[in-house]
Amino acid sequence: SCSKGTRVGYRYREDGAKERFCKGCSTSINTISPAKAAHAAK
């Protein structure tokens, strides 16, 4: 991720897991919740 402080966003991955990501470089920071079928890409 970025070396300076940056804003953080939340999104769902392809498998349906929710993650935090850096809005500056779009790099994944960590996983918040496990994969759920309701949020998985179809």
PDB file of N, CA and C in Angstrom:
ATOM      1  N   SER A   1       0.832  -1.197   0.000  1.00  0.00           N
ATOM      2  CA  SER A   1       0.000   0.000   0.000  1.00  0.00           C
ATOM      3  C   SER A   1       0.866   1.246   0.000  1.00  0.00           C
ATOM      4  N   CYS A   2       0.241   2.397   0.024  1.00  0.00           N
ATOM      5  CA  CYS A   2       0.958   3.672  -0.062  1.00  0.00           C
ATOM      6  C   CYS A   2       1.773   3.932   1.208  1.00  0.00           C
ATOM      7  N   SER A   3       2.853   4.686   1.078  1.00  0.00           N
ATOM      8  CA  SER A   3       3.703   4.973   2.230  1.00  0.00           C
ATOM      9  C   SER A   3       3.109   6.064   3.118  1.00  0.00           C
ATOM     10  N   LYS A   4       2.285   6.947   2.563  1.00  0.00           N
ATOM     11  CA  LYS A   4       1.647   8.006   3.342  1.00  0.00           C
ATOM     12  C   LYS A   4       0.261   7.555   3.790  1.00  0.00           C
ATOM     13  N   GLY A   5      -0.333   8.319   4.702  1.00  0.00           N
ATOM     14  CA  GLY A   5      -1.702   8.042   5.108  1.00  0.00           C
ATOM     15  C   GLY A   5      -2.640   8.277   3.940  1.00  0.00           C
ATOM     16  N   THR A   6      -3.639   7.448   3.794  1.00  0.00           N
ATOM     17  CA  THR A   6      -4.559   7.566   2.663  1.00  0.00           C
ATOM     18  C   THR A   6      -5.954   7.130   3.079  1.00  0.00           C
ATOM     19  N   ARG A   7      -6.933   7.455   2.262  1.00  0.00           N
ATOM     20  CA  ARG A   7      -8.309   7.045   2.553  1.00  0.00           C
ATOM     21  C   ARG A   7      -8.471   5.550   2.300  1.00  0.00           C
ATOM     22  N   VAL A   8      -9.400   4.971   3.039  1.00  0.00           N
ATOM     23  CA  VAL A   8      -9.652   3.536   2.943  1.00  0.00           C
ATOM     24  C   VAL A   8     -11.071   3.325   2.448  1.00  0.00           C
ATOM     25  N   GLY A   9     -11.253   2.368   1.546  1.00  0.00           N
ATOM     26  CA  GLY A   9     -12.572   2.029   1.034  1.00  0.00           C
ATOM     27  C   GLY A   9     -12.904   0.584   1.353  1.00  0.00           C
ATOM     28  N   TYR A  10     -14.159   0.230   1.149  1.00  0.00           N
ATOM     29  CA  TYR A  10     -14.634  -1.133   1.374  1.00  0.00           C
ATOM     30  C   TYR A  10     -15.246  -1.642   0.085  1.00  0.00           C
ATOM     31  N   ARG A  11     -15.002  -2.905  -0.226  1.00  0.00           N
ATOM     32  CA  ARG A  11     -15.557  -3.497  -1.442  1.00  0.00           C
ATOM     33  C   ARG A  11     -15.685  -5.006  -1.266  1.00  0.00           C
ATOM     34  N   TYR A  12     -16.439  -5.622  -2.184  1.00  0.00           N
ATOM     35  CA  TYR A  12     -16.591  -7.076  -2.197  1.00  0.00           C
ATOM     36  C   TYR A  12     -15.703  -7.653  -3.284  1.00  0.00           C
ATOM     37  N   ARG A  13     -14.992  -8.727  -2.945  1.00  0.00           N
ATOM     38  CA  ARG A  13     -14.155  -9.411  -3.929  1.00  0.00           C
ATOM     39  C   ARG A  13     -15.013 -10.340  -4.773  1.00  0.00           C
ATOM     40  N   GLU A  14     -14.391 -10.965  -5.783  1.00  0.00           N
ATOM     41  CA  GLU A  14     -15.097 -11.886  -6.694  1.00  0.00           C
ATOM     42  C   GLU A  14     -15.750 -13.052  -5.947  1.00  0.00           C
ATOM     43  N   ASP A  15     -15.102 -13.531  -4.873  1.00  0.00           N
ATOM     44  CA  ASP A  15     -15.638 -14.679  -4.133  1.00  0.00           C
ATOM     45  C   ASP A  15     -16.696 -14.278  -3.105  1.00  0.00           C
ATOM     46  N   GLY A  16     -16.974 -12.981  -2.952  1.00  0.00           N
ATOM     47  CA  GLY A  16     -17.999 -12.516  -2.026  1.00  0.00           C
ATOM     48  C   GLY A  16     -17.472 -12.057  -0.685  1.00  0.00           C
ATOM     49  N   ALA A  17     -16.168 -12.110  -0.466  1.00  0.00           N
ATOM     50  CA  ALA A  17     -15.581 -11.645   0.783  1.00  0.00           C
ATOM     51  C   ALA A  17     -15.486 -10.120   0.763  1.00  0.00           C
ATOM     52  N   LYS A  18     -15.688  -9.497   1.928  1.00  0.00           N
ATOM     53  CA  LYS A  18     -15.598  -8.040   2.025  1.00  0.00           C
ATOM     54  C   LYS A  18     -14.190  -7.679   2.473  1.00  0.00           C
ATOM     55  N   GLU A  19     -13.615  -6.642   1.860  1.00  0.00           N
ATOM     56  CA  GLU A  19     -12.248  -6.254   2.186  1.00  0.00           C
ATOM     57  C   GLU A  19     -12.097  -4.744   2.271  1.00  0.00           C
ATOM     58  N   ARG A  20     -11.043  -4.309   2.962  1.00  0.00           N
ATOM     59  CA  ARG A  20     -10.644  -2.905   2.991  1.00  0.00           C
ATOM     60  C   ARG A  20      -9.574  -2.720   1.929  1.00  0.00           C
ATOM     61  N   PHE A  21      -9.577  -1.556   1.252  1.00  0.00           N
ATOM     62  CA  PHE A  21      -8.563  -1.302   0.240  1.00  0.00           C
ATOM     63  C   PHE A  21      -8.130   0.155   0.270  1.00  0.00           C
ATOM     64  N   CYS A  22      -6.934   0.411  -0.223  1.00  0.00           N
ATOM     65  CA  CYS A  22      -6.364   1.747  -0.317  1.00  0.00           C
ATOM     66  C   CYS A  22      -6.988   2.451  -1.513  1.00  0.00           C
ATOM     67  N   LYS A  23      -7.575   3.635  -1.303  1.00  0.00           N
ATOM     68  CA  LYS A  23      -8.190   4.363  -2.413  1.00  0.00           C
ATOM     69  C   LYS A  23      -7.143   5.028  -3.299  1.00  0.00           C
ATOM     70  N   GLY A  24      -5.916   5.157  -2.812  1.00  0.00           N
ATOM     71  CA  GLY A  24      -4.863   5.767  -3.612  1.00  0.00           C
ATOM     72  C   GLY A  24      -4.324   4.842  -4.682  1.00  0.00           C
ATOM     73  N   CYS A  25      -4.077   3.586  -4.305  1.00  0.00           N
ATOM     74  CA  CYS A  25      -3.463   2.651  -5.252  1.00  0.00           C
ATOM     75  C   CYS A  25      -4.304   1.400  -5.482  1.00  0.00           C
ATOM     76  N   SER A  26      -5.472   1.300  -4.836  1.00  0.00           N
ATOM     77  CA  SER A  26      -6.414   0.194  -5.007  1.00  0.00           C
ATOM     78  C   SER A  26      -5.863  -1.160  -4.559  1.00  0.00           C
ATOM     79  N   THR A  27      -4.901  -1.141  -3.628  1.00  0.00           N
ATOM     80  CA  THR A  27      -4.331  -2.372  -3.091  1.00  0.00           C
ATOM     81  C   THR A  27      -5.164  -2.865  -1.913  1.00  0.00           C
ATOM     82  N   SER A  28      -5.384  -4.165  -1.827  1.00  0.00           N
ATOM     83  CA  SER A  28      -6.124  -4.751  -0.725  1.00  0.00           C
ATOM     84  C   SER A  28      -5.324  -4.630   0.568  1.00  0.00           C
ATOM     85  N   ILE A  29      -5.993  -4.237   1.670  1.00  0.00           N
ATOM     86  CA  ILE A  29      -5.329  -4.117   2.966  1.00  0.00           C
ATOM     87  C   ILE A  29      -5.580  -5.373   3.795  1.00  0.00           C
ATOM     88  N   ASN A  30      -6.856  -5.707   4.031  1.00  0.00           N
ATOM     89  CA  ASN A  30      -7.185  -6.932   4.755  1.00  0.00           C
ATOM     90  C   ASN A  30      -8.632  -7.327   4.481  1.00  0.00           C
ATOM     91  N   THR A  31      -8.992  -8.538   4.899  1.00  0.00           N
ATOM     92  CA  THR A  31     -10.344  -9.058   4.716  1.00  0.00           C
ATOM     93  C   THR A  31     -11.152  -8.777   5.972  1.00  0.00           C
ATOM     94  N   ILE A  32     -12.366  -8.255   5.802  1.00  0.00           N
ATOM     95  CA  ILE A  32     -13.231  -7.927   6.930  1.00  0.00           C
ATOM     96  C   ILE A  32     -14.159  -9.089   7.261  1.00  0.00           C
ATOM     97  N   SER A  33     -14.789  -9.687   6.242  1.00  0.00           N
ATOM     98  CA  SER A  33     -15.709 -10.792   6.479  1.00  0.00           C
ATOM     99  C   SER A  33     -15.449 -11.905   5.475  1.00  0.00           C
ATOM    100  N   PRO A  34     -15.766 -13.138   5.850  1.00  0.00           N
ATOM    101  CA  PRO A  34     -15.532 -14.263   4.944  1.00  0.00           C
ATOM    102  C   PRO A  34     -16.439 -14.212   3.723  1.00  0.00           C
ATOM    103  N   ALA A  35     -16.141 -15.053   2.765  1.00  0.00           N
ATOM    104  CA  ALA A  35     -16.896 -15.100   1.508  1.00  0.00           C
ATOM    105  C   ALA A  35     -18.340 -15.516   1.760  1.00  0.00           C
ATOM    106  N   LYS A  36     -19.264 -14.808   1.107  1.00  0.00           N
ATOM    107  CA  LYS A  36     -20.692 -15.120   1.197  1.00  0.00           C
ATOM    108  C   LYS A  36     -21.236 -15.248  -0.219  1.00  0.00           C
ATOM    109  N   ALA A  37     -22.067 -16.250  -0.434  1.00  0.00           N
ATOM    110  CA  ALA A  37     -22.605 -16.515  -1.768  1.00  0.00           C
ATOM    111  C   ALA A  37     -23.464 -15.358  -2.278  1.00  0.00           C
ATOM    112  N   ALA A  38     -24.123 -14.624  -1.382  1.00  0.00           N
ATOM    113  CA  ALA A  38     -24.999 -13.527  -1.793  1.00  0.00           C
ATOM    114  C   ALA A  38     -24.227 -12.388  -2.446  1.00  0.00           C
ATOM    115  N   HIS A  39     -22.943 -12.223  -2.098  1.00  0.00           N
ATOM    116  CA  HIS A  39     -22.138 -11.130  -2.638  1.00  0.00           C
ATOM    117  C   HIS A  39     -21.140 -11.587  -3.696  1.00  0.00           C
ATOM    118  N   ALA A  40     -21.130 -12.859  -4.020  1.00  0.00           N
ATOM    119  CA  ALA A  40     -20.189 -13.381  -5.014  1.00  0.00           C
ATOM    120  C   ALA A  40     -20.593 -12.937  -6.415  1.00  0.00           C
ATOM    121  N   ALA A  41     -19.603 -12.737  -7.266  1.00  0.00           N
ATOM    122  CA  ALA A  41     -19.866 -12.363  -8.661  1.00  0.00           C
ATOM    123  C   ALA A  41     -20.519 -13.539  -9.374  1.00  0.00           C
ATOM    124  N   LYS A  42     -21.504 -13.244 -10.201  1.00  0.00           N
ATOM    125  CA  LYS A  42     -22.237 -14.315 -10.874  1.00  0.00           C
ATOM    126  C   LYS A  42     -21.692 -14.601 -12.237  1.00  0.00           C
TER     127      LYS A  42
END
